C-alpha atoms as a PDB file:
ATOM      1  CA  TYR A   1     -10.845   1.300  -6.632  1.00  0.00           C
ATOM      2  CA  VAL A   2      -7.532   0.509  -8.745  1.00  0.00           C
ATOM      3  CA  TYR A   3      -6.340   3.493  -9.238  1.00  0.00           C
ATOM      4  CA  ARG A   4      -7.512   5.062  -5.913  1.00  0.00           C
ATOM      5  CA  ILE A   5      -4.768   6.345  -3.533  1.00  0.00           C
ATOM      6  CA  GLY A   6      -5.355   4.022  -0.790  1.00  0.00           C
ATOM      7  CA  ASN A   7      -4.681   1.113  -3.472  1.00  0.00           C
ATOM      8  CA  LEU A   8      -1.343   2.118  -4.833  1.00  0.00           C
ATOM      9  CA  THR A   9       2.208   1.879  -3.218  1.00  0.00           C
ATOM     10  CA  LEU A  10       5.472   2.255  -4.550  1.00  0.00           C
ATOM     11  CA  ILE A  11       7.260  -0.768  -4.838  1.00  0.00           C
ATOM     12  CA  ALA A  12      10.791  -1.210  -7.372  1.00  0.00           C
ATOM     13  CA  GLY A  13      12.203  -3.464  -9.721  1.00  0.00           C
ATOM     14  CA  THR A  14      11.795  -7.219  -9.419  1.00  0.00           C
ATOM     15  CA  LEU A  15       9.545  -6.586  -6.238  1.00  0.00           C
ATOM     16  CA  ASN A  16       7.023  -5.052  -8.335  1.00  0.00           C
ATOM     17  CA  ILE A  17       7.228  -7.753 -11.170  1.00  0.00           C
ATOM     18  CA  ARG A  18       7.122 -10.359  -7.953  1.00  0.00           C
ATOM     19  CA  ALA A  19       4.016  -8.706  -6.159  1.00  0.00           C
ATOM     20  CA  SER A  20       2.007  -7.985  -9.682  1.00  0.00           C
ATOM     21  CA  ASN A  21      -1.507  -8.442  -9.552  1.00  0.00           C
ATOM     22  CA  ASN A  22      -0.959 -11.418  -7.117  1.00  0.00           C
ATOM     23  CA  PRO A  23      -3.216 -11.599  -4.001  1.00  0.00           C
ATOM     24  CA  PHE A  24      -2.575  -9.507  -1.037  1.00  0.00           C
ATOM     25  CA  ALA A  25      -1.111 -12.187   0.972  1.00  0.00           C
ATOM     26  CA  SER A  26       1.471 -12.790  -1.706  1.00  0.00           C
ATOM     27  CA  LYS A  27       2.317  -9.284  -1.650  1.00  0.00           C
ATOM     28  CA  LEU A  28       2.914  -8.865   1.912  1.00  0.00           C
ATOM     29  CA  GLU A  29       6.437 -10.679   1.246  1.00  0.00           C
ATOM     30  CA  ALA A  30       7.276  -8.431  -1.534  1.00  0.00           C
ATOM     31  CA  TYR A  31       6.589  -5.350   1.003  1.00  0.00           C
ATOM     32  CA  GLU A  32       8.518  -6.668   3.601  1.00  0.00           C
ATOM     33  CA  GLU A  33      11.528  -6.806   1.452  1.00  0.00           C
ATOM     34  CA  SER A  34      10.740  -3.280   0.251  1.00  0.00           C
ATOM     35  CA  ALA A  35      13.064  -0.082   1.310  1.00  0.00           C
ATOM     36  CA  PHE A  36       9.896   2.312   1.223  1.00  0.00           C
ATOM     37  CA  THR A  37       8.491   2.930   4.479  1.00  0.00           C
ATOM     38  CA  LEU A  38       4.906   2.977   3.295  1.00  0.00           C
ATOM     39  CA  ASN A  39       5.185  -0.712   2.565  1.00  0.00           C
ATOM     40  CA  GLU A  40       6.043  -1.585   6.193  1.00  0.00           C
ATOM     41  CA  HIS A  41       2.894   0.410   7.665  1.00  0.00           C
ATOM     42  CA  ILE A  42       0.852  -1.523   5.052  1.00  0.00           C
ATOM     43  CA  ARG A  43       2.425  -4.784   6.544  1.00  0.00           C
ATOM     44  CA  GLN A  44       1.686  -3.516   9.999  1.00  0.00           C
ATOM     45  CA  GLN A  45      -1.812  -2.046   9.572  1.00  0.00           C
ATOM     46  CA  TYR A  46      -3.692  -4.729   7.357  1.00  0.00           C
ATOM     47  CA  GLN A  47      -4.475  -8.111   7.642  1.00  0.00           C
ATOM     48  CA  ASP A  48      -6.675  -8.096   4.594  1.00  0.00           C
ATOM     49  CA  PHE A  49      -6.799  -5.567   2.066  1.00  0.00           C
ATOM     50  CA  ARG A  50     -10.381  -4.856   0.420  1.00  0.00           C
ATOM     51  CA  TYR A  51     -12.756  -1.942  -0.372  1.00  0.00           C
ATOM     52  CA  PRO A  52     -12.881  -0.985   3.350  1.00  0.00           C
ATOM     53  CA  GLN A  53      -9.353  -1.093   3.977  1.00  0.00           C
ATOM     54  CA  VAL A  54      -8.516   0.817   0.644  1.00  0.00           C
ATOM     55  CA  ASP A  55     -10.931   3.624   1.787  1.00  0.00           C
ATOM     56  CA  GLU A  56      -9.451   3.704   5.213  1.00  0.00           C
ATOM     57  CA  ARG A  57      -5.805   3.809   3.584  1.00  0.00           C
ATOM     58  CA  SER A  58      -7.351   6.454   1.148  1.00  0.00           C
ATOM     59  CA  ARG A  59      -8.468   8.964   3.909  1.00  0.00           C
ATOM     60  CA  SER A  60      -5.417   8.270   5.871  1.00  0.00           C
ATOM     61  CA  LEU A  61      -2.937   9.408   2.919  1.00  0.00           C
ATOM     62  CA  ALA A  62      -5.049  12.445   2.101  1.00  0.00           C
ATOM     63  CA  ASP A  63      -4.771  13.373   5.906  1.00  0.00           C
ATOM     64  CA  VAL A  64      -0.938  13.280   5.638  1.00  0.00           C
ATOM     65  CA  ALA A  65      -0.971  15.075   2.084  1.00  0.00           C
ATOM     66  CA  LEU A  66      -3.311  17.739   3.716  1.00  0.00           C
ATOM     67  CA  ALA A  67      -0.787  18.128   6.631  1.00  0.00           C
ATOM     68  CA  ILE A  68       2.267  18.373   4.542  1.00  0.00           C
ATOM     69  CA  TRP A  69       0.605  20.570   1.817  1.00  0.00           C
ATOM     70  CA  LYS A  70      -1.503  23.273   3.527  1.00  0.00           C
END
């Protein structure tokens, strides 16, 4: 699950270092400060981030990709 699209997000510089391999609850602070819109969605959409959430987000991102690149 580590490299599935639903488990990956962009986060820059020192925020990435802060978030690193920390638990999801700790990453939420870095996501809040991130300028990337996808990270805002993660904060708003998920209270927890485990296998079912990675699967859900993977499907959601795949739907977006298919809508963009038909």
